[in-house]
Amino acid sequence: MKDSSRTTTVTNSIAILEAVADCGVGVTAKEIAARLGIAPATTYRLLNSLVADEYLVRTADLRGFALGARLRGFAAAVTVPVVPTAARIVLDDFRVSTRFAVHLMNFRPAAVQVVSEDPDHPISGKRELSRHLHASAAGKLLLASRTEWRTLVGQPVRIAARTKIDHVALAGDLQNVRDAGYARAADELVPGIACLALPIYNGVGSLAGALCLTGPSNRLPALETHRDPARGCADRLGPLLY
């Protein structure tokens, strides 16, 4: 029994570290517990242990957590993909062809990671983008590819006025993503901002990332006219990135 208990503790501790890495600086114990389905008391106990061992640190307001000194260097080295020159040329050419912001995302098992942010149009709501998959087009694209999406979402929280926090409504959105082959969201992550997320596939045909096109939500129809060119760019990027 002791060995079994020790194994569970190690497994849960690793899951907590992965959740903090995926969600980013400031994720709370409550959010981690809901995301992983671990009892709050167990989550708090393991978090305190990980902080004591310097794997995690508390944020300045003492409410959230971030990776500690023993992990930050390792995480930076292994989790940030490098965009090859050929892919960067394709991406930059597409950015020149549109007045909308163009961002490149990488998908981890349970998170969206910004790989290349449009230098002329910084991402609004970057922290929320990583932590709340249900509120962004890129997040919905990732969730639509996962059978366990409800577990990844946990209890959705409202980020903006149009954020969907009902599992039934989200299920409908994700089915629309599967049917259409791309995702879109407007006024769900950041008020006044709309986004299209086009899938990028790796060499074996698995979803690996997304090309995101963003702009004012009142220009969503104009954004949609760039969908096919964006899809073409995403298709070209796949073999160059993965």
C-alpha atoms as a PDB file:
ATOM      1  CA  MET A   1       0.000   0.000   0.000  1.00  0.00           C
ATOM      2  CA  LYS A   2       2.859   2.364   0.813  1.00  0.00           C
ATOM      3  CA  ASP A   3       4.392   1.859  -2.627  1.00  0.00           C
ATOM      4  CA  SER A   4       1.008   2.452  -4.268  1.00  0.00           C
ATOM      5  CA  SER A   5       0.477   5.627  -2.266  1.00  0.00           C
ATOM      6  CA  ARG A   6       3.978   6.856  -3.116  1.00  0.00           C
ATOM      7  CA  THR A   7       3.380   6.195  -6.812  1.00  0.00           C
ATOM      8  CA  THR A   8       0.109   8.158  -6.709  1.00  0.00           C
ATOM      9  CA  THR A   9       1.846  11.063  -4.988  1.00  0.00           C
ATOM     10  CA  VAL A  10       4.605  11.157  -7.603  1.00  0.00           C
ATOM     11  CA  THR A  11       2.106  10.898 -10.467  1.00  0.00           C
ATOM     12  CA  ASN A  12      -0.050  13.692  -9.054  1.00  0.00           C
ATOM     13  CA  SER A  13       2.990  15.888  -8.392  1.00  0.00           C
ATOM     14  CA  ILE A  14       4.151  15.507 -11.992  1.00  0.00           C
ATOM     15  CA  ALA A  15       0.625  16.257 -13.224  1.00  0.00           C
ATOM     16  CA  ILE A  16       0.580  19.429 -11.121  1.00  0.00           C
ATOM     17  CA  LEU A  17       3.927  20.562 -12.541  1.00  0.00           C
ATOM     18  CA  GLU A  18       2.642  19.941 -16.070  1.00  0.00           C
ATOM     19  CA  ALA A  19      -0.541  21.902 -15.285  1.00  0.00           C
ATOM     20  CA  VAL A  20       1.461  24.894 -14.039  1.00  0.00           C
ATOM     21  CA  ALA A  21       3.694  24.745 -17.122  1.00  0.00           C
ATOM     22  CA  ASP A  22       0.675  24.526 -19.425  1.00  0.00           C
ATOM     23  CA  CYS A  23      -1.460  27.181 -17.715  1.00  0.00           C
ATOM     24  CA  GLY A  24       1.306  29.684 -17.073  1.00  0.00           C
ATOM     25  CA  VAL A  25       2.213  32.032 -14.251  1.00  0.00           C
ATOM     26  CA  GLY A  26      -0.568  32.696 -11.764  1.00  0.00           C
ATOM     27  CA  VAL A  27      -2.611  29.514 -12.059  1.00  0.00           C
ATOM     28  CA  THR A  28      -4.374  28.901  -8.752  1.00  0.00           C
ATOM     29  CA  ALA A  29      -4.678  25.783  -6.613  1.00  0.00           C
ATOM     30  CA  LYS A  30      -8.410  25.731  -7.300  1.00  0.00           C
ATOM     31  CA  GLU A  31      -7.848  25.819 -11.062  1.00  0.00           C
ATOM     32  CA  ILE A  32      -5.240  23.056 -10.852  1.00  0.00           C
ATOM     33  CA  ALA A  33      -7.502  20.830  -8.744  1.00  0.00           C
ATOM     34  CA  ALA A  34     -10.421  21.300 -11.152  1.00  0.00           C
ATOM     35  CA  ARG A  35      -8.241  20.727 -14.209  1.00  0.00           C
ATOM     36  CA  LEU A  36      -6.712  17.494 -12.892  1.00  0.00           C
ATOM     37  CA  GLY A  37      -9.654  16.146 -10.922  1.00  0.00           C
ATOM     38  CA  ILE A  38      -7.530  15.891  -7.759  1.00  0.00           C
ATOM     39  CA  ALA A  39      -9.105  16.582  -4.377  1.00  0.00           C
ATOM     40  CA  PRO A  40      -8.444  20.194  -3.259  1.00  0.00           C
ATOM     41  CA  ALA A  41      -6.866  19.081   0.027  1.00  0.00           C
ATOM     42  CA  THR A  42      -4.459  16.785  -1.841  1.00  0.00           C
ATOM     43  CA  THR A  43      -3.674  19.533  -4.352  1.00  0.00           C
ATOM     44  CA  TYR A  44      -2.853  22.058  -1.617  1.00  0.00           C
ATOM     45  CA  ARG A  45      -0.641  19.538   0.183  1.00  0.00           C
ATOM     46  CA  LEU A  46       1.328  18.663  -2.956  1.00  0.00           C
ATOM     47  CA  LEU A  47       1.630  22.314  -3.993  1.00  0.00           C
ATOM     48  CA  ASN A  48       3.110  23.213  -0.620  1.00  0.00           C
ATOM     49  CA  SER A  49       5.589  20.354  -0.934  1.00  0.00           C
ATOM     50  CA  LEU A  50       6.604  21.401  -4.450  1.00  0.00           C
ATOM     51  CA  VAL A  51       7.079  24.998  -3.293  1.00  0.00           C
ATOM     52  CA  ALA A  52       9.205  23.837  -0.358  1.00  0.00           C
ATOM     53  CA  ASP A  53      11.407  21.861  -2.771  1.00  0.00           C
ATOM     54  CA  GLU A  54      11.665  24.892  -5.128  1.00  0.00           C
ATOM     55  CA  TYR A  55       9.964  23.147  -8.035  1.00  0.00           C
ATOM     56  CA  LEU A  56       7.250  25.814  -7.788  1.00  0.00           C
ATOM     57  CA  VAL A  57       7.064  29.343  -6.414  1.00  0.00           C
ATOM     58  CA  ARG A  58       4.127  31.419  -5.275  1.00  0.00           C
ATOM     59  CA  THR A  59       3.265  34.559  -7.203  1.00  0.00           C
ATOM     60  CA  ALA A  60       3.609  37.936  -5.517  1.00  0.00           C
ATOM     61  CA  ASP A  61      -0.075  38.046  -4.541  1.00  0.00           C
ATOM     62  CA  LEU A  62       0.293  34.566  -2.941  1.00  0.00           C
ATOM     63  CA  ARG A  63      -2.774  33.338  -4.860  1.00  0.00           C
ATOM     64  CA  GLY A  64      -1.100  31.587  -7.788  1.00  0.00           C
ATOM     65  CA  PHE A  65       1.909  29.507  -8.708  1.00  0.00           C
ATOM     66  CA  ALA A  66       4.714  29.457 -11.266  1.00  0.00           C
ATOM     67  CA  LEU A  67       7.586  27.140 -12.115  1.00  0.00           C
ATOM     68  CA  GLY A  68      10.428  27.379  -9.638  1.00  0.00           C
ATOM     69  CA  ALA A  69      14.152  27.766 -10.114  1.00  0.00           C
ATOM     70  CA  ARG A  70      14.690  24.003 -10.362  1.00  0.00           C
ATOM     71  CA  LEU A  71      12.424  23.772 -13.418  1.00  0.00           C
ATOM     72  CA  ARG A  72      12.439  27.083 -15.291  1.00  0.00           C
ATOM     73  CA  GLY A  73      15.662  26.530 -17.210  1.00  0.00           C
ATOM     74  CA  PHE A  74      14.721  22.984 -18.135  1.00  0.00           C
ATOM     75  CA  ALA A  75      11.216  23.997 -19.222  1.00  0.00           C
ATOM     76  CA  ALA A  76      12.528  26.815 -21.405  1.00  0.00           C
ATOM     77  CA  ALA A  77      14.982  24.489 -23.078  1.00  0.00           C
ATOM     78  CA  VAL A  78      12.577  21.679 -23.941  1.00  0.00           C
ATOM     79  CA  THR A  79       9.184  23.282 -24.479  1.00  0.00           C
ATOM     80  CA  VAL A  80       9.751  26.274 -26.775  1.00  0.00           C
ATOM     81  CA  PRO A  81       9.778  25.126 -30.421  1.00  0.00           C
ATOM     82  CA  VAL A  82      12.142  26.864 -32.807  1.00  0.00           C
ATOM     83  CA  VAL A  83      10.590  28.128 -36.044  1.00  0.00           C
ATOM     84  CA  PRO A  84      12.856  27.059 -38.947  1.00  0.00           C
ATOM     85  CA  THR A  85      13.917  29.729 -41.402  1.00  0.00           C
ATOM     86  CA  ALA A  86      11.838  28.270 -44.245  1.00  0.00           C
ATOM     87  CA  ALA A  87       8.713  28.303 -42.088  1.00  0.00           C
ATOM     88  CA  ARG A  88       9.421  31.836 -40.906  1.00  0.00           C
ATOM     89  CA  ILE A  89       9.641  33.029 -44.515  1.00  0.00           C
ATOM     90  CA  VAL A  90       6.250  31.474 -45.314  1.00  0.00           C
ATOM     91  CA  LEU A  91       4.765  33.025 -42.177  1.00  0.00           C
ATOM     92  CA  ASP A  92       6.218  36.474 -42.836  1.00  0.00           C
ATOM     93  CA  ASP A  93       5.037  36.431 -46.457  1.00  0.00           C
ATOM     94  CA  PHE A  94       1.496  35.677 -45.329  1.00  0.00           C
ATOM     95  CA  ARG A  95       1.634  38.448 -42.726  1.00  0.00           C
ATOM     96  CA  VAL A  96       2.568  40.925 -45.426  1.00  0.00           C
ATOM     97  CA  SER A  97      -0.431  39.827 -47.506  1.00  0.00           C
ATOM     98  CA  THR A  98      -3.050  40.631 -44.850  1.00  0.00           C
ATOM     99  CA  ARG A  99      -3.798  43.556 -42.581  1.00  0.00           C
ATOM    100  CA  PHE A 100      -4.929  41.216 -39.816  1.00  0.00           C
ATOM    101  CA  ALA A 101      -2.708  39.810 -37.096  1.00  0.00           C
ATOM    102  CA  VAL A 102      -1.197  36.392 -37.803  1.00  0.00           C
ATOM    103  CA  HIS A 103       0.058  34.213 -34.950  1.00  0.00           C
ATOM    104  CA  LEU A 104       1.575  30.742 -34.909  1.00  0.00           C
ATOM    105  CA  MET A 105       0.544  28.339 -32.126  1.00  0.00           C
ATOM    106  CA  ASN A 106       1.911  25.004 -31.010  1.00  0.00           C
ATOM    107  CA  PHE A 107      -0.335  22.462 -29.302  1.00  0.00           C
ATOM    108  CA  ARG A 108       0.749  20.579 -26.234  1.00  0.00           C
ATOM    109  CA  PRO A 109      -1.450  17.756 -24.911  1.00  0.00           C
ATOM    110  CA  ALA A 110      -3.507  20.170 -22.827  1.00  0.00           C
ATOM    111  CA  ALA A 111      -2.403  23.680 -23.739  1.00  0.00           C
ATOM    112  CA  VAL A 112      -1.920  26.225 -26.498  1.00  0.00           C
ATOM    113  CA  GLN A 113       1.584  27.668 -26.764  1.00  0.00           C
ATOM    114  CA  VAL A 114       2.455  30.850 -28.664  1.00  0.00           C
ATOM    115  CA  VAL A 115       5.393  30.093 -30.960  1.00  0.00           C
ATOM    116  CA  SER A 116       5.450  33.201 -33.149  1.00  0.00           C
ATOM    117  CA  GLU A 117       3.529  36.339 -32.213  1.00  0.00           C
ATOM    118  CA  ASP A 118       2.829  38.873 -34.934  1.00  0.00           C
ATOM    119  CA  PRO A 119       5.367  41.632 -34.188  1.00  0.00           C
ATOM    120  CA  ASP A 120       3.007  44.331 -35.442  1.00  0.00           C
ATOM    121  CA  HIS A 121      -0.046  43.083 -33.555  1.00  0.00           C
ATOM    122  CA  PRO A 122       0.718  41.793 -30.039  1.00  0.00           C
ATOM    123  CA  ILE A 123      -1.668  39.180 -28.667  1.00  0.00           C
ATOM    124  CA  SER A 124      -4.300  40.450 -26.269  1.00  0.00           C
ATOM    125  CA  GLY A 125      -5.227  38.079 -23.474  1.00  0.00           C
ATOM    126  CA  LYS A 126      -2.122  35.898 -23.865  1.00  0.00           C
ATOM    127  CA  ARG A 127      -2.349  34.598 -20.313  1.00  0.00           C
ATOM    128  CA  GLU A 128      -6.016  33.652 -20.722  1.00  0.00           C
ATOM    129  CA  LEU A 129      -5.270  32.040 -24.093  1.00  0.00           C
ATOM    130  CA  SER A 130      -3.088  29.434 -22.426  1.00  0.00           C
ATOM    131  CA  ARG A 131      -5.223  28.890 -19.348  1.00  0.00           C
ATOM    132  CA  HIS A 132      -8.767  28.851 -20.752  1.00  0.00           C
ATOM    133  CA  LEU A 133      -9.004  26.655 -23.846  1.00  0.00           C
ATOM    134  CA  HIS A 134     -12.780  27.030 -24.126  1.00  0.00           C
ATOM    135  CA  ALA A 135     -12.557  30.792 -24.734  1.00  0.00           C
ATOM    136  CA  SER A 136     -10.317  30.968 -27.807  1.00  0.00           C
ATOM    137  CA  ALA A 137     -10.446  29.745 -31.388  1.00  0.00           C
ATOM    138  CA  ALA A 138      -7.086  27.981 -31.004  1.00  0.00           C
ATOM    139  CA  GLY A 139      -8.240  26.369 -27.783  1.00  0.00           C
ATOM    140  CA  LYS A 140     -11.451  25.140 -29.372  1.00  0.00           C
ATOM    141  CA  LEU A 141      -9.480  23.678 -32.260  1.00  0.00           C
ATOM    142  CA  LEU A 142      -7.379  21.717 -29.763  1.00  0.00           C
ATOM    143  CA  LEU A 143     -10.386  20.645 -27.679  1.00  0.00           C
ATOM    144  CA  ALA A 144     -12.275  19.456 -30.762  1.00  0.00           C
ATOM    145  CA  SER A 145      -9.493  16.941 -31.389  1.00  0.00           C
ATOM    146  CA  ARG A 146      -9.681  15.483 -27.872  1.00  0.00           C
ATOM    147  CA  THR A 147     -12.252  12.944 -26.712  1.00  0.00           C
ATOM    148  CA  GLU A 148     -11.503  13.967 -23.108  1.00  0.00           C
ATOM    149  CA  TRP A 149     -12.144  17.665 -23.727  1.00  0.00           C
ATOM    150  CA  ARG A 150     -14.489  17.989 -20.739  1.00  0.00           C
ATOM    151  CA  THR A 151     -11.661  16.967 -18.439  1.00  0.00           C
ATOM    152  CA  LEU A 152      -9.324  19.504 -20.033  1.00  0.00           C
ATOM    153  CA  VAL A 153     -11.888  22.282 -19.672  1.00  0.00           C
ATOM    154  CA  GLY A 154     -13.023  21.429 -16.154  1.00  0.00           C
ATOM    155  CA  GLN A 155     -15.577  23.981 -14.987  1.00  0.00           C
ATOM    156  CA  PRO A 156     -15.408  26.734 -17.641  1.00  0.00           C
ATOM    157  CA  VAL A 157     -15.171  30.306 -16.407  1.00  0.00           C
ATOM    158  CA  ARG A 158     -16.463  33.412 -18.132  1.00  0.00           C
ATOM    159  CA  ILE A 159     -13.617  35.484 -19.570  1.00  0.00           C
ATOM    160  CA  ALA A 160     -15.683  37.897 -21.682  1.00  0.00           C
ATOM    161  CA  ALA A 161     -19.356  38.603 -22.309  1.00  0.00           C
ATOM    162  CA  ARG A 162     -19.738  35.906 -24.975  1.00  0.00           C
ATOM    163  CA  THR A 163     -17.592  33.210 -23.378  1.00  0.00           C
ATOM    164  CA  LYS A 164     -19.488  29.925 -23.356  1.00  0.00           C
ATOM    165  CA  ILE A 165     -19.395  28.272 -19.947  1.00  0.00           C
ATOM    166  CA  ASP A 166     -22.013  25.570 -20.523  1.00  0.00           C
ATOM    167  CA  HIS A 167     -20.734  22.136 -21.556  1.00  0.00           C
ATOM    168  CA  VAL A 168     -23.683  21.583 -23.900  1.00  0.00           C
ATOM    169  CA  ALA A 169     -23.031  24.854 -25.732  1.00  0.00           C
ATOM    170  CA  LEU A 170     -19.312  24.060 -25.896  1.00  0.00           C
ATOM    171  CA  ALA A 171     -20.034  20.594 -27.274  1.00  0.00           C
ATOM    172  CA  GLY A 172     -22.023  22.237 -30.067  1.00  0.00           C
ATOM    173  CA  ASP A 173     -19.160  24.624 -30.806  1.00  0.00           C
ATOM    174  CA  LEU A 174     -16.644  21.784 -30.952  1.00  0.00           C
ATOM    175  CA  GLN A 175     -18.832  19.771 -33.301  1.00  0.00           C
ATOM    176  CA  ASN A 176     -19.026  22.827 -35.565  1.00  0.00           C
ATOM    177  CA  VAL A 177     -15.216  22.961 -35.516  1.00  0.00           C
ATOM    178  CA  ARG A 178     -14.992  19.308 -36.572  1.00  0.00           C
ATOM    179  CA  ASP A 179     -17.523  19.836 -39.348  1.00  0.00           C
ATOM    180  CA  ALA A 180     -15.933  23.035 -40.663  1.00  0.00           C
ATOM    181  CA  GLY A 181     -12.299  22.016 -40.261  1.00  0.00           C
ATOM    182  CA  TYR A 182     -11.371  25.228 -38.478  1.00  0.00           C
ATOM    183  CA  ALA A 183     -12.391  27.203 -35.378  1.00  0.00           C
ATOM    184  CA  ARG A 184     -13.522  30.732 -34.801  1.00  0.00           C
ATOM    185  CA  ALA A 185     -14.373  32.848 -31.774  1.00  0.00           C
ATOM    186  CA  ALA A 186     -15.515  36.439 -31.336  1.00  0.00           C
ATOM    187  CA  ASP A 187     -15.710  38.424 -28.090  1.00  0.00           C
ATOM    188  CA  GLU A 188     -15.081  35.241 -26.099  1.00  0.00           C
ATOM    189  CA  LEU A 189     -11.472  35.708 -24.981  1.00  0.00           C
ATOM    190  CA  VAL A 190     -11.010  39.464 -25.383  1.00  0.00           C
ATOM    191  CA  PRO A 191     -13.911  41.907 -25.938  1.00  0.00           C
ATOM    192  CA  GLY A 192     -13.846  43.325 -29.451  1.00  0.00           C
ATOM    193  CA  ILE A 193     -11.475  40.674 -30.838  1.00  0.00           C
ATOM    194  CA  ALA A 194     -12.308  37.846 -33.259  1.00  0.00           C
ATOM    195  CA  CYS A 195     -10.066  34.982 -34.313  1.00  0.00           C
ATOM    196  CA  LEU A 196      -9.927  32.168 -36.850  1.00  0.00           C
ATOM    197  CA  ALA A 197      -7.722  29.147 -36.090  1.00  0.00           C
ATOM    198  CA  LEU A 198      -6.629  26.970 -39.002  1.00  0.00           C
ATOM    199  CA  PRO A 199      -5.153  23.545 -38.191  1.00  0.00           C
ATOM    200  CA  ILE A 200      -1.520  22.659 -38.796  1.00  0.00           C
ATOM    201  CA  TYR A 201      -0.796  18.917 -39.069  1.00  0.00           C
ATOM    202  CA  ASN A 202       2.429  17.011 -38.538  1.00  0.00           C
ATOM    203  CA  GLY A 203       3.908  14.391 -40.851  1.00  0.00           C
ATOM    204  CA  VAL A 204       1.582  11.622 -39.662  1.00  0.00           C
ATOM    205  CA  GLY A 205      -1.560  13.706 -40.012  1.00  0.00           C
ATOM    206  CA  SER A 206      -2.040  14.579 -36.336  1.00  0.00           C
ATOM    207  CA  LEU A 207      -3.059  18.066 -35.213  1.00  0.00           C
ATOM    208  CA  ALA A 208       0.105  19.794 -34.008  1.00  0.00           C
ATOM    209  CA  GLY A 209      -0.663  23.506 -33.986  1.00  0.00           C
ATOM    210  CA  ALA A 210      -2.657  26.339 -35.493  1.00  0.00           C
ATOM    211  CA  LEU A 211      -2.303  29.415 -37.635  1.00  0.00           C
ATOM    212  CA  CYS A 212      -4.435  32.128 -36.061  1.00  0.00           C
ATOM    213  CA  LEU A 213      -5.813  35.159 -37.838  1.00  0.00           C
ATOM    214  CA  THR A 214      -7.177  37.858 -35.525  1.00  0.00           C
ATOM    215  CA  GLY A 215      -8.811  41.242 -35.885  1.00  0.00           C
ATOM    216  CA  PRO A 216     -11.675  43.405 -34.627  1.00  0.00           C
ATOM    217  CA  SER A 217     -14.844  41.367 -34.071  1.00  0.00           C
ATOM    218  CA  ASN A 218     -16.877  43.871 -36.096  1.00  0.00           C
ATOM    219  CA  ARG A 219     -14.709  42.872 -39.080  1.00  0.00           C
ATOM    220  CA  LEU A 220     -15.347  39.138 -38.738  1.00  0.00           C
ATOM    221  CA  PRO A 221     -16.833  38.887 -42.273  1.00  0.00           C
ATOM    222  CA  ALA A 222     -13.637  40.417 -43.701  1.00  0.00           C
ATOM    223  CA  LEU A 223     -11.599  38.057 -41.536  1.00  0.00           C
ATOM    224  CA  GLU A 224     -13.494  35.120 -42.992  1.00  0.00           C
ATOM    225  CA  THR A 225     -12.515  36.126 -46.536  1.00  0.00           C
ATOM    226  CA  HIS A 226      -8.904  35.359 -45.581  1.00  0.00           C
ATOM    227  CA  ARG A 227      -9.763  31.862 -44.341  1.00  0.00           C
ATOM    228  CA  ASP A 228      -8.752  29.962 -47.470  1.00  0.00           C
ATOM    229  CA  PRO A 229      -5.404  31.768 -47.903  1.00  0.00           C
ATOM    230  CA  ALA A 230      -4.736  31.148 -44.199  1.00  0.00           C
ATOM    231  CA  ARG A 231      -5.555  27.472 -44.648  1.00  0.00           C
ATOM    232  CA  GLY A 232      -3.113  27.316 -47.549  1.00  0.00           C
ATOM    233  CA  CYS A 233      -0.424  28.908 -45.400  1.00  0.00           C
ATOM    234  CA  ALA A 234      -1.120  26.441 -42.585  1.00  0.00           C
ATOM    235  CA  ASP A 235      -0.805  23.546 -45.011  1.00  0.00           C
ATOM    236  CA  ARG A 236       2.575  24.821 -46.189  1.00  0.00           C
ATOM    237  CA  LEU A 237       3.796  25.323 -42.633  1.00  0.00           C
ATOM    238  CA  GLY A 238       3.039  21.772 -41.479  1.00  0.00           C
ATOM    239  CA  PRO A 239       5.909  19.974 -43.287  1.00  0.00           C
ATOM    240  CA  LEU A 240       8.310  22.805 -42.425  1.00  0.00           C
ATOM    241  CA  LEU A 241       7.510  22.772 -38.698  1.00  0.00           C
ATOM    242  CA  TYR A 242       6.847  19.121 -37.941  1.00  0.00           C
END
